[in-house]
Amino acid sequence: MNAAFLLAGRLPQASSYAESVDRSLLLAGWFAAFCAVLVAGGLALALLGPRAASADASLASAAGPRRRVRLAGAVAGVFFAIVVIHGAVVWADVRTAPRGALPIRVGVEGGAFRFTYPSGHEDVALHLPLERPVRLILAGADEPYSFAIPEFRLQVTVTMRTPAEAWVEALVPGEYAARSLRRPGLALSTADVVVHEAGGFETWLRGVSGPPLDLPPVELGRRSYEMRGCTQCHALDGTRLVGPGFGAFFARQRELADGTRLDVTDEYVRESVLDPQAKVVAGFEPVMPSFRGRLHELEVEGLIAFLRSLE
């Protein structure tokens, strides 16, 4: 985090502990300034003291300077204690997630973040509820990296192959960015952070989570077909819709837009779900969106099992 931005107040305080973190930073800054003035004053007195004593020896007294030194030391000690105690309280608050915090797993794949939600849904963006604590479980990687959201005053360092945890409670809806560094000079891709309006996170999660992942493969695939919007473009009864029908899907070859023909295999189905523009069936427009990052691997396997059950 950029301390200059925090001191200037140019970043919003978008989390429950952002204000406390800023206050700790300001106290530390004022303490450093006080110590600098104290040291500079002491040096000035040390340089000017002998002259003053030679000008009027009768006024020289050791008691006065000692009292001033003790007073300055006492003030510095109290100031230091306030900084340390306040910092310790804030540190404990930032490090200790509240009970019942929503767990979200943070992984790193190919230099990019991936977030796994309690339902099993994976996403390349971090979605957060409003005014609800979230516990972030950061996976270890081959190289150390940091995970920071400046507006939340959140920053955690993950050592090599060692997981770490952090938590945050977002207070301001909007879009932010998570930043990271793997090592000095090597940037890791940023990730979008979306803080939903009240109730919006739950609606979003229900919409993307799909069916329970512990269902039998065929049932899981059927539920995914129904809940993921597949019914709008792929019919089971031979009706021509936006995309090819799924009836007897594995029983016939497919002719592609480039004129080639291929047998339908498990890998072809997987590729069509994750990279639908790779092989477009002749007579259809390449309009299907990619479901990469939107479907769990078990859902992909379930869809394959469901299509095979239609033969």
Protein backbone atom coordinates (compact mmCIF):
# COMPACT_ATOMS: atom_id res chain seq x y z
CA MET A 1 0.00 0.00 0.00
CA ASN A 2 1.15 3.52 -0.73
CA ALA A 3 1.51 5.35 2.60
CA ALA A 4 1.48 8.75 0.91
CA PHE A 5 -1.96 8.06 -0.52
CA LEU A 6 -3.26 6.94 2.87
CA LEU A 7 -1.87 10.00 4.64
CA ALA A 8 -3.36 12.27 2.00
CA GLY A 9 -6.74 10.56 2.40
CA ARG A 10 -7.04 9.94 -1.32
CA LEU A 11 -8.16 6.32 -0.95
CA PRO A 12 -11.66 5.58 0.37
CA GLN A 13 -12.00 3.69 3.64
CA ALA A 14 -13.97 0.82 2.16
CA SER A 15 -13.62 -1.82 4.89
CA SER A 16 -14.53 -2.10 8.56
CA TYR A 17 -10.93 -1.71 9.77
CA ALA A 18 -9.66 0.79 7.17
CA GLU A 19 -10.19 3.78 9.49
CA SER A 20 -8.27 2.09 12.33
CA VAL A 21 -5.38 1.21 10.03
CA ASP A 22 -5.22 4.82 8.80
CA ARG A 23 -5.25 6.09 12.37
CA SER A 24 -2.35 3.80 13.28
CA LEU A 25 -0.40 5.06 10.31
CA LEU A 26 -1.06 8.68 11.25
CA LEU A 27 -0.04 8.07 14.89
CA ALA A 28 3.19 6.45 13.72
CA GLY A 29 3.83 9.40 11.42
CA TRP A 30 3.24 11.95 14.19
CA PHE A 31 5.47 9.98 16.55
CA ALA A 32 8.26 9.95 13.98
CA ALA A 33 7.85 13.72 13.49
CA PHE A 34 7.90 14.28 17.29
CA CYS A 35 11.10 12.24 17.64
CA ALA A 36 12.70 14.17 14.79
CA VAL A 37 11.88 17.49 16.49
CA LEU A 38 13.10 16.13 19.82
CA VAL A 39 16.42 15.03 18.37
CA ALA A 40 16.87 18.28 16.45
CA GLY A 41 16.10 20.29 19.60
CA GLY A 42 18.54 18.26 21.64
CA LEU A 43 21.29 18.84 19.09
CA ALA A 44 20.56 22.56 19.05
CA LEU A 45 20.75 22.79 22.85
CA ALA A 46 23.96 20.79 22.88
CA LEU A 47 25.55 23.17 20.38
CA LEU A 48 24.29 26.37 21.98
CA GLY A 49 24.61 25.30 25.60
CA PRO A 50 28.34 26.02 26.10
CA ARG A 51 28.00 29.55 24.63
CA ALA A 52 25.14 30.37 26.92
CA ALA A 53 27.11 29.10 29.87
CA SER A 54 30.15 31.21 29.07
CA ALA A 55 28.01 34.32 28.62
CA ASP A 56 26.38 34.06 31.99
CA ALA A 57 27.81 31.30 34.15
CA SER A 58 25.59 32.20 37.05
CA LEU A 59 22.50 31.06 35.13
CA ALA A 60 23.92 27.70 34.22
CA SER A 61 22.19 24.96 36.09
CA ALA A 62 22.19 21.21 35.56
CA ALA A 63 18.80 20.74 37.18
CA GLY A 64 16.84 22.61 34.52
CA PRO A 65 18.16 20.69 31.50
CA ARG A 66 17.74 17.39 33.30
CA ARG A 67 14.10 18.17 34.07
CA ARG A 68 13.48 19.06 30.45
CA VAL A 69 15.14 15.86 29.27
CA ARG A 70 13.08 13.78 31.69
CA LEU A 71 9.87 15.55 30.64
CA ALA A 72 10.63 15.05 26.94
CA GLY A 73 11.47 11.40 27.59
CA ALA A 74 8.22 10.89 29.51
CA VAL A 75 6.18 12.48 26.72
CA ALA A 76 7.98 10.37 24.12
CA GLY A 77 7.40 7.23 26.20
CA VAL A 78 3.67 7.91 26.54
CA PHE A 79 3.43 8.71 22.83
CA PHE A 80 5.32 5.52 21.96
CA ALA A 81 3.07 3.44 24.24
CA ILE A 82 -0.04 4.87 22.56
CA VAL A 83 1.35 4.03 19.11
CA VAL A 84 2.32 0.50 20.11
CA ILE A 85 -0.91 -0.32 21.97
CA HIS A 86 -3.13 1.09 19.24
CA GLY A 87 -1.10 -0.71 16.58
CA ALA A 88 -1.30 -4.01 18.48
CA VAL A 89 -5.09 -3.72 18.83
CA VAL A 90 -5.48 -2.96 15.12
CA TRP A 91 -3.10 -5.76 14.17
CA ALA A 92 -5.06 -8.25 16.28
CA ASP A 93 -8.33 -7.06 14.72
CA VAL A 94 -6.96 -7.37 11.18
CA ARG A 95 -5.49 -10.81 11.84
CA THR A 96 -8.49 -12.39 13.61
CA ALA A 97 -11.49 -13.19 11.43
CA PRO A 98 -14.89 -12.95 13.15
CA ARG A 99 -16.78 -16.15 13.77
CA GLY A 100 -19.08 -17.16 10.95
CA ALA A 101 -17.09 -15.31 8.30
CA LEU A 102 -17.84 -16.50 4.76
CA PRO A 103 -14.85 -18.59 3.52
CA ILE A 104 -13.49 -17.86 0.03
CA ARG A 105 -10.40 -19.68 -1.24
CA VAL A 106 -7.80 -17.75 -3.23
CA GLY A 107 -5.56 -19.68 -5.61
CA VAL A 108 -2.92 -18.74 -8.17
CA GLU A 109 -2.87 -20.39 -11.58
CA GLY A 110 -0.64 -19.31 -14.42
CA GLY A 111 0.05 -15.93 -12.88
CA ALA A 112 -3.63 -15.14 -12.27
CA PHE A 113 -5.93 -15.36 -9.27
CA ARG A 114 -8.85 -17.77 -9.03
CA PHE A 115 -11.47 -17.56 -6.29
CA THR A 116 -13.48 -20.56 -5.07
CA TYR A 117 -16.74 -19.89 -3.21
CA PRO A 118 -18.44 -22.15 -0.65
CA SER A 119 -20.76 -23.55 -3.31
CA GLY A 120 -17.77 -24.77 -5.33
CA HIS A 121 -18.10 -22.07 -8.00
CA GLU A 122 -14.79 -20.77 -9.32
CA ASP A 123 -14.33 -17.27 -10.70
CA VAL A 124 -11.53 -15.00 -11.84
CA ALA A 125 -13.08 -12.08 -9.92
CA LEU A 126 -13.50 -11.67 -6.18
CA HIS A 127 -17.15 -11.05 -5.30
CA LEU A 128 -17.92 -9.81 -1.79
CA PRO A 129 -21.14 -9.25 0.15
CA LEU A 130 -21.83 -5.90 1.75
CA GLU A 131 -21.26 -5.60 5.52
CA ARG A 132 -20.54 -9.29 6.01
CA PRO A 133 -17.13 -10.62 7.13
CA VAL A 134 -15.32 -12.76 4.57
CA ARG A 135 -12.39 -15.04 5.38
CA LEU A 136 -9.85 -15.30 2.56
CA ILE A 137 -7.87 -18.55 2.50
CA LEU A 138 -4.84 -17.92 0.29
CA ALA A 139 -3.10 -20.95 -1.18
CA GLY A 140 0.68 -21.20 -1.21
CA ALA A 141 2.45 -21.07 -4.58
CA ASP A 142 5.85 -21.94 -6.00
CA GLU A 143 6.98 -18.37 -5.32
CA PRO A 144 6.01 -15.96 -2.52
CA TYR A 145 3.42 -13.36 -3.42
CA SER A 146 1.34 -10.68 -1.78
CA PHE A 147 -2.38 -9.99 -2.03
CA ALA A 148 -3.56 -6.43 -1.45
CA ILE A 149 -6.69 -4.34 -1.89
CA PRO A 150 -5.59 -0.78 -1.02
CA GLU A 151 -9.09 0.63 -0.50
CA PHE A 152 -9.70 -2.04 2.15
CA ARG A 153 -6.26 -1.52 3.75
CA LEU A 154 -5.81 -5.24 3.20
CA GLN A 155 -2.38 -6.66 2.48
CA VAL A 156 -1.12 -10.17 3.23
CA THR A 157 2.09 -11.90 2.22
CA VAL A 158 1.97 -15.57 1.27
CA THR A 159 5.26 -17.40 1.66
CA MET A 160 6.35 -20.15 -0.70
CA ARG A 161 4.04 -23.19 -0.59
CA THR A 162 2.59 -22.04 2.74
CA PRO A 163 -1.07 -20.97 2.89
CA ALA A 164 -2.15 -17.81 4.67
CA GLU A 165 -5.42 -16.27 5.82
CA ALA A 166 -6.90 -12.79 5.96
CA TRP A 167 -10.36 -11.33 6.36
CA VAL A 168 -12.27 -8.28 5.27
CA GLU A 169 -15.70 -6.74 5.73
CA ALA A 170 -16.57 -4.44 2.82
CA LEU A 171 -18.59 -1.33 3.66
CA VAL A 172 -18.77 0.51 0.32
CA PRO A 173 -20.36 -1.12 -2.76
CA GLY A 174 -18.45 -0.78 -6.00
CA GLU A 175 -15.61 -2.20 -8.07
CA TYR A 176 -12.01 -2.34 -6.90
CA ALA A 177 -8.80 -4.14 -7.89
CA ALA A 178 -6.65 -6.65 -6.05
CA ARG A 179 -2.93 -6.22 -6.66
CA SER A 180 0.02 -8.47 -6.04
CA LEU A 181 3.72 -8.99 -6.53
CA ARG A 182 5.37 -12.37 -6.76
CA ARG A 183 8.80 -10.91 -6.17
CA PRO A 184 10.25 -7.42 -6.62
CA GLY A 185 9.87 -6.37 -10.23
CA LEU A 186 7.61 -9.29 -11.24
CA ALA A 187 3.96 -8.26 -11.34
CA LEU A 188 1.14 -10.74 -10.91
CA SER A 189 -2.06 -10.16 -12.83
CA THR A 190 -4.59 -8.06 -10.96
CA ALA A 191 -8.07 -9.31 -10.18
CA ASP A 192 -11.36 -7.45 -10.21
CA VAL A 193 -13.07 -7.07 -6.84
CA VAL A 194 -16.84 -6.53 -6.83
CA VAL A 195 -18.65 -5.48 -3.66
CA HIS A 196 -22.36 -6.09 -4.23
CA GLU A 197 -25.22 -4.01 -2.92
CA ALA A 198 -27.16 -5.42 0.04
CA GLY A 199 -28.55 -8.83 -0.96
CA GLY A 200 -26.83 -8.74 -4.34
CA PHE A 201 -24.06 -11.19 -3.45
CA GLU A 202 -26.51 -13.91 -2.47
CA THR A 203 -28.44 -13.42 -5.70
CA TRP A 204 -25.24 -13.55 -7.75
CA LEU A 205 -23.97 -16.67 -5.97
CA ARG A 206 -27.23 -18.53 -6.50
CA GLY A 207 -27.14 -17.63 -10.17
CA VAL A 208 -23.62 -18.92 -10.81
CA SER A 209 -23.34 -21.81 -8.39
CA GLY A 210 -25.49 -24.32 -10.22
CA PRO A 211 -26.53 -27.67 -8.76
CA PRO A 212 -24.98 -29.46 -5.75
CA LEU A 213 -21.71 -31.08 -6.76
CA ASP A 214 -22.33 -34.30 -4.81
CA LEU A 215 -25.08 -35.46 -7.17
CA PRO A 216 -24.50 -38.56 -9.35
CA PRO A 217 -22.77 -37.54 -12.62
CA VAL A 218 -25.79 -37.95 -14.92
CA GLU A 219 -28.10 -36.08 -12.54
CA LEU A 220 -25.48 -33.40 -11.99
CA GLY A 221 -25.16 -32.97 -15.76
CA ARG A 222 -28.93 -32.80 -16.23
CA ARG A 223 -29.28 -30.16 -13.51
CA SER A 224 -26.39 -28.19 -14.99
CA TYR A 225 -28.07 -28.34 -18.41
CA GLU A 226 -31.24 -26.92 -16.88
CA MET A 227 -29.69 -24.34 -14.55
CA ARG A 228 -26.84 -22.98 -16.68
CA GLY A 229 -29.01 -21.74 -19.54
CA CYS A 230 -28.23 -24.62 -21.93
CA THR A 231 -31.94 -25.17 -22.59
CA GLN A 232 -32.18 -21.81 -24.38
CA CYS A 233 -29.83 -22.88 -27.17
CA HIS A 234 -29.66 -26.72 -27.18
CA ALA A 235 -32.83 -28.83 -27.43
CA LEU A 236 -33.15 -32.52 -26.57
CA ASP A 237 -36.02 -33.36 -28.95
CA GLY A 238 -34.44 -32.43 -32.29
CA THR A 239 -35.81 -28.89 -32.40
CA ARG A 240 -33.32 -26.54 -34.07
CA LEU A 241 -32.37 -23.69 -31.77
CA VAL A 242 -29.38 -21.34 -31.64
CA GLY A 243 -26.99 -24.28 -31.14
CA PRO A 244 -26.89 -27.98 -32.13
CA GLY A 245 -29.35 -30.32 -30.43
CA PHE A 246 -28.21 -32.70 -27.72
CA GLY A 247 -30.36 -35.71 -28.67
CA ALA A 248 -28.18 -38.74 -29.51
CA PHE A 249 -25.23 -36.38 -29.28
CA PHE A 250 -22.50 -39.05 -29.36
CA ALA A 251 -24.20 -41.21 -32.01
CA ARG A 252 -23.26 -39.14 -35.08
CA GLN A 253 -20.36 -37.23 -36.54
CA ARG A 254 -20.22 -33.46 -36.61
CA GLU A 255 -19.46 -31.39 -39.67
CA LEU A 256 -17.60 -28.20 -38.76
CA ALA A 257 -17.77 -24.78 -40.38
CA ASP A 258 -14.41 -25.39 -42.08
CA GLY A 259 -15.75 -28.52 -43.79
CA THR A 260 -14.00 -31.11 -41.64
CA ARG A 261 -15.86 -33.92 -39.91
CA LEU A 262 -15.11 -35.43 -36.54
CA ASP A 263 -16.42 -37.99 -34.11
CA VAL A 264 -17.96 -36.67 -30.91
CA THR A 265 -15.74 -37.57 -27.94
CA ASP A 266 -15.51 -36.57 -24.31
CA GLU A 267 -12.66 -34.19 -25.15
CA TYR A 268 -14.70 -32.57 -27.93
CA VAL A 269 -17.52 -31.88 -25.47
CA ARG A 270 -15.09 -30.50 -22.90
CA GLU A 271 -13.49 -28.21 -25.50
CA SER A 272 -16.90 -27.05 -26.72
CA VAL A 273 -17.84 -26.01 -23.18
CA LEU A 274 -14.57 -24.29 -22.28
CA ASP A 275 -13.53 -22.97 -25.71
CA PRO A 276 -16.66 -23.03 -27.91
CA GLN A 277 -15.09 -21.02 -30.74
CA ALA A 278 -12.40 -23.65 -31.38
CA LYS A 279 -14.68 -25.96 -33.40
CA VAL A 280 -17.94 -24.40 -34.65
CA VAL A 281 -20.55 -26.77 -36.11
CA ALA A 282 -21.53 -26.00 -39.70
CA GLY A 283 -24.78 -24.06 -40.03
CA PHE A 284 -24.51 -22.36 -36.64
CA GLU A 285 -23.12 -18.99 -35.61
CA PRO A 286 -20.15 -18.82 -33.18
CA VAL A 287 -22.17 -17.12 -30.44
CA MET A 288 -21.76 -19.51 -27.51
CA PRO A 289 -19.88 -17.91 -24.57
CA SER A 290 -17.06 -19.74 -22.83
CA PHE A 291 -17.91 -21.41 -19.53
CA ARG A 292 -14.27 -21.52 -18.44
CA GLY A 293 -14.16 -20.42 -14.81
CA ARG A 294 -17.96 -20.63 -14.56
CA LEU A 295 -18.35 -24.41 -14.36
CA HIS A 296 -16.72 -26.70 -11.84
CA GLU A 297 -14.79 -29.62 -13.33
CA LEU A 298 -17.37 -32.00 -11.84
CA GLU A 299 -20.11 -30.17 -13.76
CA VAL A 300 -18.20 -30.60 -17.02
CA GLU A 301 -17.85 -34.32 -16.33
CA GLY A 302 -21.54 -34.45 -15.40
CA LEU A 303 -22.55 -32.81 -18.69
CA ILE A 304 -20.51 -35.41 -20.60
CA ALA A 305 -22.22 -38.23 -18.65
CA PHE A 306 -25.64 -36.65 -19.22
CA LEU A 307 -25.08 -36.36 -23.00
CA ARG A 308 -23.93 -39.96 -23.16
CA SER A 309 -27.10 -41.03 -21.35
CA LEU A 310 -29.14 -39.57 -24.23
CA GLU A 311 -27.84 -42.07 -26.81
